[in-house]
């Protein structure tokens, strides 16, 4: 890995990863991890769901904070209904 980082040639590292994967699949007797499941996991990691959710949580949290401050200063019927 260090040589690949320095030279930018990832071919040797890819070969090592392929050998490890082949070894794990050959020696694995208890779990059935199919290549499809591995590809699904890789896609899920690339989507980065939690980073996308963070934006929604930030907006929702900001709206709730503004509403809380508004409730401190003025008590209105529509705000009481939200409690």
PDB file of N, CA and C in Angstrom:
ATOM      1  N   UNK A   1       0.817  -1.176   0.000  1.00  0.00           N
ATOM      2  CA  UNK A   1       0.000   0.000   0.000  1.00  0.00           C
ATOM      3  C   UNK A   1       0.873   1.256   0.000  1.00  0.00           C
ATOM      4  N   UNK A   2       1.932   1.230   0.798  1.00  0.00           N
ATOM      5  CA  UNK A   2       2.791   2.410   0.854  1.00  0.00           C
ATOM      6  C   UNK A   2       3.476   2.644  -0.487  1.00  0.00           C
ATOM      7  N   UNK A   3       3.899   1.574  -1.138  1.00  0.00           N
ATOM      8  CA  UNK A   3       4.523   1.710  -2.454  1.00  0.00           C
ATOM      9  C   UNK A   3       3.516   2.219  -3.475  1.00  0.00           C
ATOM     10  N   UNK A   4       2.273   1.737  -3.379  1.00  0.00           N
ATOM     11  CA  UNK A   4       1.236   2.181  -4.310  1.00  0.00           C
ATOM     12  C   UNK A   4       0.906   3.649  -4.094  1.00  0.00           C
ATOM     13  N   UNK A   5       0.911   4.098  -2.852  1.00  0.00           N
ATOM     14  CA  UNK A   5       0.670   5.512  -2.578  1.00  0.00           C
ATOM     15  C   UNK A   5       1.774   6.390  -3.153  1.00  0.00           C
ATOM     16  N   UNK A   6       3.002   5.908  -3.059  1.00  0.00           N
ATOM     17  CA  UNK A   6       4.123   6.686  -3.575  1.00  0.00           C
ATOM     18  C   UNK A   6       4.164   6.690  -5.097  1.00  0.00           C
ATOM     19  N   UNK A   7       3.969   5.513  -5.699  1.00  0.00           N
ATOM     20  CA  UNK A   7       4.121   5.410  -7.150  1.00  0.00           C
ATOM     21  C   UNK A   7       2.819   5.658  -7.910  1.00  0.00           C
ATOM     22  N   UNK A   8       1.687   5.426  -7.272  1.00  0.00           N
ATOM     23  CA  UNK A   8       0.401   5.588  -7.948  1.00  0.00           C
ATOM     24  C   UNK A   8      -0.015   4.360  -8.737  1.00  0.00           C
ATOM     25  N   UNK A   9       0.758   3.272  -8.632  1.00  0.00           N
ATOM     26  CA  UNK A   9       0.449   2.032  -9.340  1.00  0.00           C
ATOM     27  C   UNK A   9      -0.245   1.078  -8.367  1.00  0.00           C
ATOM     28  N   UNK A  10      -1.534   0.873  -8.553  1.00  0.00           N
ATOM     29  CA  UNK A  10      -2.336   0.077  -7.632  1.00  0.00           C
ATOM     30  C   UNK A  10      -2.535  -1.360  -8.126  1.00  0.00           C
ATOM     31  N   UNK A  11      -1.857  -1.759  -9.171  1.00  0.00           N
ATOM     32  CA  UNK A  11      -2.036  -3.103  -9.728  1.00  0.00           C
ATOM     33  C   UNK A  11      -1.618  -4.182  -8.727  1.00  0.00           C
ATOM     34  N   UNK A  12      -0.465  -4.023  -8.096  1.00  0.00           N
ATOM     35  CA  UNK A  12       0.024  -5.022  -7.146  1.00  0.00           C
ATOM     36  C   UNK A  12      -0.892  -5.101  -5.925  1.00  0.00           C
ATOM     37  N   UNK A  13      -1.368  -3.963  -5.454  1.00  0.00           N
ATOM     38  CA  UNK A  13      -2.287  -3.957  -4.313  1.00  0.00           C
ATOM     39  C   UNK A  13      -3.595  -4.637  -4.672  1.00  0.00           C
ATOM     40  N   UNK A  14      -4.072  -4.427  -5.895  1.00  0.00           N
ATOM     41  CA  UNK A  14      -5.292  -5.086  -6.351  1.00  0.00           C
ATOM     42  C   UNK A  14      -5.137  -6.590  -6.399  1.00  0.00           C
ATOM     43  N   UNK A  15      -3.971  -7.047  -6.803  1.00  0.00           N
ATOM     44  CA  UNK A  15      -3.707  -8.490  -6.838  1.00  0.00           C
ATOM     45  C   UNK A  15      -3.740  -9.081  -5.432  1.00  0.00           C
ATOM     46  N   UNK A  16      -3.158  -8.380  -4.485  1.00  0.00           N
ATOM     47  CA  UNK A  16      -3.136  -8.860  -3.103  1.00  0.00           C
ATOM     48  C   UNK A  16      -4.563  -8.917  -2.546  1.00  0.00           C
ATOM     49  N   UNK A  17      -5.351  -7.920  -2.826  1.00  0.00           N
ATOM     50  CA  UNK A  17      -6.740  -7.907  -2.368  1.00  0.00           C
ATOM     51  C   UNK A  17      -7.516  -9.060  -2.995  1.00  0.00           C
ATOM     52  N   UNK A  18      -7.288  -9.323  -4.257  1.00  0.00           N
ATOM     53  CA  UNK A  18      -7.953 -10.447  -4.920  1.00  0.00           C
ATOM     54  C   UNK A  18      -7.534 -11.782  -4.309  1.00  0.00           C
ATOM     55  N   UNK A  19      -6.258 -11.907  -3.962  1.00  0.00           N
ATOM     56  CA  UNK A  19      -5.792 -13.148  -3.338  1.00  0.00           C
ATOM     57  C   UNK A  19      -6.428 -13.334  -1.958  1.00  0.00           C
ATOM     58  N   UNK A  20      -6.529 -12.273  -1.202  1.00  0.00           N
ATOM     59  CA  UNK A  20      -7.169 -12.347   0.117  1.00  0.00           C
ATOM     60  C   UNK A  20      -8.630 -12.742  -0.030  1.00  0.00           C
ATOM     61  N   UNK A  21      -9.321 -12.143  -0.982  1.00  0.00           N
ATOM     62  CA  UNK A  21     -10.730 -12.467  -1.217  1.00  0.00           C
ATOM     63  C   UNK A  21     -10.905 -13.923  -1.609  1.00  0.00           C
ATOM     64  N   UNK A  22     -10.040 -14.422  -2.487  1.00  0.00           N
ATOM     65  CA  UNK A  22     -10.108 -15.820  -2.914  1.00  0.00           C
ATOM     66  C   UNK A  22      -9.858 -16.753  -1.736  1.00  0.00           C
ATOM     67  N   UNK A  23      -8.886 -16.430  -0.911  1.00  0.00           N
ATOM     68  CA  UNK A  23      -8.569 -17.237   0.263  1.00  0.00           C
ATOM     69  C   UNK A  23      -9.750 -17.269   1.236  1.00  0.00           C
ATOM     70  N   UNK A  24     -10.343 -16.099   1.492  1.00  0.00           N
ATOM     71  CA  UNK A  24     -11.470 -16.034   2.423  1.00  0.00           C
ATOM     72  C   UNK A  24     -12.657 -16.840   1.912  1.00  0.00           C
ATOM     73  N   UNK A  25     -12.934 -16.760   0.629  1.00  0.00           N
ATOM     74  CA  UNK A  25     -14.060 -17.518   0.081  1.00  0.00           C
ATOM     75  C   UNK A  25     -13.785 -19.024   0.099  1.00  0.00           C
ATOM     76  N   UNK A  26     -12.525 -19.422  -0.080  1.00  0.00           N
ATOM     77  CA  UNK A  26     -12.190 -20.841  -0.073  1.00  0.00           C
ATOM     78  C   UNK A  26     -12.238 -21.419   1.342  1.00  0.00           C
ATOM     79  N   UNK A  27     -11.820 -20.651   2.342  1.00  0.00           N
ATOM     80  CA  UNK A  27     -11.748 -21.144   3.722  1.00  0.00           C
ATOM     81  C   UNK A  27     -13.032 -20.915   4.513  1.00  0.00           C
ATOM     82  N   UNK A  28     -13.942 -20.151   3.975  1.00  0.00           N
ATOM     83  CA  UNK A  28     -15.166 -19.814   4.688  1.00  0.00           C
ATOM     84  C   UNK A  28     -16.124 -21.004   4.671  1.00  0.00           C
ATOM     85  N   UNK A  29     -16.395 -21.560   5.837  1.00  0.00           N
ATOM     86  CA  UNK A  29     -17.306 -22.701   5.936  1.00  0.00           C
ATOM     87  C   UNK A  29     -18.612 -22.332   6.643  1.00  0.00           C
ATOM     88  N   UNK A  30     -18.613 -21.251   7.426  1.00  0.00           N
ATOM     89  CA  UNK A  30     -19.784 -20.931   8.241  1.00  0.00           C
ATOM     90  C   UNK A  30     -20.692 -19.885   7.597  1.00  0.00           C
ATOM     91  N   UNK A  31     -20.148 -18.922   6.941  1.00  0.00           N
ATOM     92  CA  UNK A  31     -20.948 -17.849   6.359  1.00  0.00           C
ATOM     93  C   UNK A  31     -20.979 -17.958   4.842  1.00  0.00           C
ATOM     94  N   UNK A  32     -22.124 -17.660   4.278  1.00  0.00           N
ATOM     95  CA  UNK A  32     -22.248 -17.662   2.823  1.00  0.00           C
ATOM     96  C   UNK A  32     -22.324 -16.213   2.355  1.00  0.00           C
ATOM     97  N   UNK A  33     -21.182 -15.636   2.083  1.00  0.00           N
ATOM     98  CA  UNK A  33     -21.118 -14.255   1.618  1.00  0.00           C
ATOM     99  C   UNK A  33     -20.936 -14.302   0.110  1.00  0.00           C
ATOM    100  N   UNK A  34     -21.976 -13.946  -0.587  1.00  0.00           N
ATOM    101  CA  UNK A  34     -21.926 -14.003  -2.038  1.00  0.00           C
ATOM    102  C   UNK A  34     -21.343 -12.704  -2.591  1.00  0.00           C
ATOM    103  N   UNK A  35     -20.800 -12.754  -3.791  1.00  0.00           N
ATOM    104  CA  UNK A  35     -20.292 -11.531  -4.420  1.00  0.00           C
ATOM    105  C   UNK A  35     -21.372 -10.461  -4.593  1.00  0.00           C
ATOM    106  N   UNK A  36     -22.622 -10.891  -4.791  1.00  0.00           N
ATOM    107  CA  UNK A  36     -23.713  -9.915  -4.913  1.00  0.00           C
ATOM    108  C   UNK A  36     -23.894  -9.133  -3.624  1.00  0.00           C
ATOM    109  N   UNK A  37     -23.793  -9.823  -2.497  1.00  0.00           N
ATOM    110  CA  UNK A  37     -23.938  -9.145  -1.204  1.00  0.00           C
ATOM    111  C   UNK A  37     -22.773  -8.187  -0.972  1.00  0.00           C
ATOM    112  N   UNK A  38     -21.590  -8.582  -1.394  1.00  0.00           N
ATOM    113  CA  UNK A  38     -20.434  -7.693  -1.242  1.00  0.00           C
ATOM    114  C   UNK A  38     -20.602  -6.447  -2.108  1.00  0.00           C
ATOM    115  N   UNK A  39     -21.088  -6.613  -3.334  1.00  0.00           N
ATOM    116  CA  UNK A  39     -21.307  -5.468  -4.214  1.00  0.00           C
ATOM    117  C   UNK A  39     -22.391  -4.563  -3.650  1.00  0.00           C
ATOM    118  N   UNK A  40     -23.440  -5.148  -3.060  1.00  0.00           N
ATOM    119  CA  UNK A  40     -24.497  -4.343  -2.438  1.00  0.00           C
ATOM    120  C   UNK A  40     -23.944  -3.533  -1.272  1.00  0.00           C
ATOM    121  N   UNK A  41     -23.065  -4.126  -0.488  1.00  0.00           N
ATOM    122  CA  UNK A  41     -22.445  -3.427   0.637  1.00  0.00           C
ATOM    123  C   UNK A  41     -21.569  -2.273   0.134  1.00  0.00           C
ATOM    124  N   UNK A  42     -20.828  -2.499  -0.924  1.00  0.00           N
ATOM    125  CA  UNK A  42     -19.971  -1.460  -1.491  1.00  0.00           C
ATOM    126  C   UNK A  42     -20.823  -0.307  -2.010  1.00  0.00           C
ATOM    127  N   UNK A  43     -21.924  -0.611  -2.697  1.00  0.00           N
ATOM    128  CA  UNK A  43     -22.815   0.445  -3.190  1.00  0.00           C
ATOM    129  C   UNK A  43     -23.416   1.233  -2.044  1.00  0.00           C
ATOM    130  N   UNK A  44     -23.812   0.538  -0.996  1.00  0.00           N
ATOM    131  CA  UNK A  44     -24.389   1.204   0.174  1.00  0.00           C
ATOM    132  C   UNK A  44     -23.366   2.148   0.806  1.00  0.00           C
ATOM    133  N   UNK A  45     -22.119   1.724   0.877  1.00  0.00           N
ATOM    134  CA  UNK A  45     -21.071   2.578   1.434  1.00  0.00           C
ATOM    135  C   UNK A  45     -20.806   3.789   0.556  1.00  0.00           C
ATOM    136  N   UNK A  46     -20.908   3.632  -0.758  1.00  0.00           N
ATOM    137  CA  UNK A  46     -20.673   4.750  -1.667  1.00  0.00           C
ATOM    138  C   UNK A  46     -21.799   5.773  -1.623  1.00  0.00           C
ATOM    139  N   UNK A  47     -23.033   5.313  -1.372  1.00  0.00           N
ATOM    140  CA  UNK A  47     -24.169   6.236  -1.296  1.00  0.00           C
ATOM    141  C   UNK A  47     -24.010   7.171  -0.107  1.00  0.00           C
ATOM    142  N   UNK A  48     -23.443   6.669   0.979  1.00  0.00           N
ATOM    143  CA  UNK A  48     -23.191   7.454   2.192  1.00  0.00           C
ATOM    144  C   UNK A  48     -24.492   8.045   2.727  1.00  0.00           C
ATOM    145  N   UNK A  49     -25.388   7.154   3.129  1.00  0.00           N
ATOM    146  CA  UNK A  49     -26.727   7.523   3.571  1.00  0.00           C
ATOM    147  C   UNK A  49     -26.689   8.502   4.740  1.00  0.00           C
ATOM    148  N   UNK A  50     -25.821   8.284   5.696  1.00  0.00           N
ATOM    149  CA  UNK A  50     -25.817   9.103   6.891  1.00  0.00           C
ATOM    150  C   UNK A  50     -25.384  10.539   6.603  1.00  0.00           C
ATOM    151  N   UNK A  51     -24.529  10.734   5.635  1.00  0.00           N
ATOM    152  CA  UNK A  51     -24.157  12.100   5.269  1.00  0.00           C
ATOM    153  C   UNK A  51     -25.353  12.823   4.661  1.00  0.00           C
ATOM    154  N   UNK A  52     -26.156  12.104   3.880  1.00  0.00           N
ATOM    155  CA  UNK A  52     -27.345  12.712   3.288  1.00  0.00           C
ATOM    156  C   UNK A  52     -28.387  13.016   4.373  1.00  0.00           C
ATOM    157  N   UNK A  53     -28.527  12.127   5.341  1.00  0.00           N
ATOM    158  CA  UNK A  53     -29.478  12.347   6.436  1.00  0.00           C
ATOM    159  C   UNK A  53     -29.064  13.525   7.307  1.00  0.00           C
ATOM    160  N   UNK A  54     -27.781  13.768   7.395  1.00  0.00           N
ATOM    161  CA  UNK A  54     -27.281  14.851   8.233  1.00  0.00           C
ATOM    162  C   UNK A  54     -27.856  16.191   7.792  1.00  0.00           C
ATOM    163  N   UNK A  55     -28.005  16.382   6.499  1.00  0.00           N
ATOM    164  CA  UNK A  55     -28.568  17.633   5.988  1.00  0.00           C
ATOM    165  C   UNK A  55     -30.009  17.806   6.454  1.00  0.00           C
ATOM    166  N   UNK A  56     -30.792  16.742   6.355  1.00  0.00           N
ATOM    167  CA  UNK A  56     -32.183  16.804   6.790  1.00  0.00           C
ATOM    168  C   UNK A  56     -32.300  17.049   8.281  1.00  0.00           C
ATOM    169  N   UNK A  57     -31.461  16.385   9.066  1.00  0.00           N
ATOM    170  CA  UNK A  57     -31.484  16.582  10.515  1.00  0.00           C
ATOM    171  C   UNK A  57     -31.093  18.013  10.878  1.00  0.00           C
ATOM    172  N   UNK A  58     -30.148  18.578  10.156  1.00  0.00           N
ATOM    173  CA  UNK A  58     -29.729  19.945  10.417  1.00  0.00           C
ATOM    174  C   UNK A  58     -30.867  20.920  10.143  1.00  0.00           C
ATOM    175  N   UNK A  59     -31.559  20.738   9.035  1.00  0.00           N
ATOM    176  CA  UNK A  59     -32.693  21.616   8.704  1.00  0.00           C
ATOM    177  C   UNK A  59     -33.811  21.446   9.720  1.00  0.00           C
ATOM    178  N   UNK A  60     -34.172  20.209  10.032  1.00  0.00           N
ATOM    179  CA  UNK A  60     -35.239  19.947  10.990  1.00  0.00           C
ATOM    180  C   UNK A  60     -34.885  20.481  12.376  1.00  0.00           C
ATOM    181  N   UNK A  61     -33.661  20.290  12.799  1.00  0.00           N
ATOM    182  CA  UNK A  61     -33.222  20.810  14.098  1.00  0.00           C
ATOM    183  C   UNK A  61     -33.257  22.322  14.145  1.00  0.00           C
ATOM    184  N   UNK A  62     -32.857  22.967  13.050  1.00  0.00           N
ATOM    185  CA  UNK A  62     -32.910  24.430  12.994  1.00  0.00           C
ATOM    186  C   UNK A  62     -34.334  24.944  13.078  1.00  0.00           C
ATOM    187  N   UNK A  63     -35.242  24.287  12.368  1.00  0.00           N
ATOM    188  CA  UNK A  63     -36.643  24.699  12.436  1.00  0.00           C
ATOM    189  C   UNK A  63     -37.210  24.507  13.839  1.00  0.00           C
ATOM    190  N   UNK A  64     -36.869  23.432  14.488  1.00  0.00           N
ATOM    191  CA  UNK A  64     -37.344  23.192  15.847  1.00  0.00           C
ATOM    192  C   UNK A  64     -36.770  24.211  16.822  1.00  0.00           C
ATOM    193  N   UNK A  65     -35.526  24.618  16.620  1.00  0.00           N
ATOM    194  CA  UNK A  65     -34.917  25.632  17.480  1.00  0.00           C
ATOM    195  C   UNK A  65     -35.615  26.968  17.318  1.00  0.00           C
ATOM    196  N   UNK A  66     -35.879  27.362  16.069  1.00  0.00           N
ATOM    197  CA  UNK A  66     -36.583  28.626  15.814  1.00  0.00           C
ATOM    198  C   UNK A  66     -37.969  28.580  16.429  1.00  0.00           C
ATOM    199  N   UNK A  67     -38.676  27.483  16.277  1.00  0.00           N
ATOM    200  CA  UNK A  67     -40.011  27.347  16.858  1.00  0.00           C
ATOM    201  C   UNK A  67     -39.956  27.404  18.380  1.00  0.00           C
ATOM    202  N   UNK A  68     -38.954  26.808  18.982  1.00  0.00           N
ATOM    203  CA  UNK A  68     -38.814  26.849  20.441  1.00  0.00           C
ATOM    204  C   UNK A  68     -38.593  28.267  20.935  1.00  0.00           C
ATOM    205  N   UNK A  69     -37.741  29.020  20.233  1.00  0.00           N
ATOM    206  CA  UNK A  69     -37.529  30.415  20.628  1.00  0.00           C
ATOM    207  C   UNK A  69     -38.803  31.227  20.448  1.00  0.00           C
ATOM    208  N   UNK A  70     -39.538  30.975  19.386  1.00  0.00           N
ATOM    209  CA  UNK A  70     -40.788  31.688  19.159  1.00  0.00           C
ATOM    210  C   UNK A  70     -41.788  31.382  20.264  1.00  0.00           C
ATOM    211  N   UNK A  71     -41.810  30.150  20.746  1.00  0.00           N
ATOM    212  CA  UNK A  71     -42.732  29.783  21.820  1.00  0.00           C
ATOM    213  C   UNK A  71     -42.361  30.448  23.134  1.00  0.00           C
ATOM    214  N   UNK A  72     -41.083  30.745  23.339  1.00  0.00           N
ATOM    215  CA  UNK A  72     -40.672  31.421  24.571  1.00  0.00           C
ATOM    216  C   UNK A  72     -41.210  32.845  24.626  1.00  0.00           C
ATOM    217  N   UNK A  73     -41.250  33.511  23.496  1.00  0.00           N
ATOM    218  CA  UNK A  73     -41.619  34.927  23.488  1.00  0.00           C
ATOM    219  C   UNK A  73     -43.105  35.171  23.282  1.00  0.00           C
ATOM    220  N   UNK A  74     -43.764  34.318  22.542  1.00  0.00           N
ATOM    221  CA  UNK A  74     -45.195  34.513  22.292  1.00  0.00           C
ATOM    222  C   UNK A  74     -45.901  33.178  22.380  1.00  0.00           C
ATOM    223  N   UNK A  75     -46.911  33.136  23.198  1.00  0.00           N
ATOM    224  CA  UNK A  75     -47.727  31.933  23.307  1.00  0.00           C
ATOM    225  C   UNK A  75     -48.942  32.102  22.420  1.00  0.00           C
ATOM    226  N   UNK A  76     -49.049  31.286  21.423  1.00  0.00           N
ATOM    227  CA  UNK A  76     -50.195  31.333  20.518  1.00  0.00           C
ATOM    228  C   UNK A  76     -50.866  29.975  20.490  1.00  0.00           C
ATOM    229  N   UNK A  77     -52.109  29.978  20.066  1.00  0.00           N
ATOM    230  CA  UNK A  77     -52.873  28.731  20.050  1.00  0.00           C
ATOM    231  C   UNK A  77     -52.258  27.697  19.105  1.00  0.00           C
ATOM    232  N   UNK A  78     -51.841  28.125  17.926  1.00  0.00           N
ATOM    233  CA  UNK A  78     -51.305  27.165  16.961  1.00  0.00           C
ATOM    234  C   UNK A  78     -49.997  26.569  17.439  1.00  0.00           C
ATOM    235  N   UNK A  79     -49.247  27.316  18.262  1.00  0.00           N
ATOM    236  CA  UNK A  79     -48.003  26.779  18.786  1.00  0.00           C
ATOM    237  C   UNK A  79     -48.286  25.779  19.901  1.00  0.00           C
ATOM    238  N   UNK A  80     -49.309  26.029  20.695  1.00  0.00           N
ATOM    239  CA  UNK A  80     -49.662  25.104  21.766  1.00  0.00           C
ATOM    240  C   UNK A  80     -50.139  23.785  21.217  1.00  0.00           C
ATOM    241  N   UNK A  81     -50.762  23.819  20.067  1.00  0.00           N
ATOM    242  CA  UNK A  81     -51.259  22.599  19.439  1.00  0.00           C
ATOM    243  C   UNK A  81     -50.095  21.699  19.012  1.00  0.00           C
ATOM    244  N   UNK A  82     -48.950  22.254  18.743  1.00  0.00           N
ATOM    245  CA  UNK A  82     -47.795  21.482  18.312  1.00  0.00           C
ATOM    246  C   UNK A  82     -47.099  20.755  19.447  1.00  0.00           C
ATOM    247  N   UNK A  83     -47.441  21.089  20.669  1.00  0.00           N
ATOM    248  CA  UNK A  83     -46.779  20.462  21.826  1.00  0.00           C
ATOM    249  C   UNK A  83     -47.349  19.127  22.108  1.00  0.00           C
TER     250      UNK A  83
END
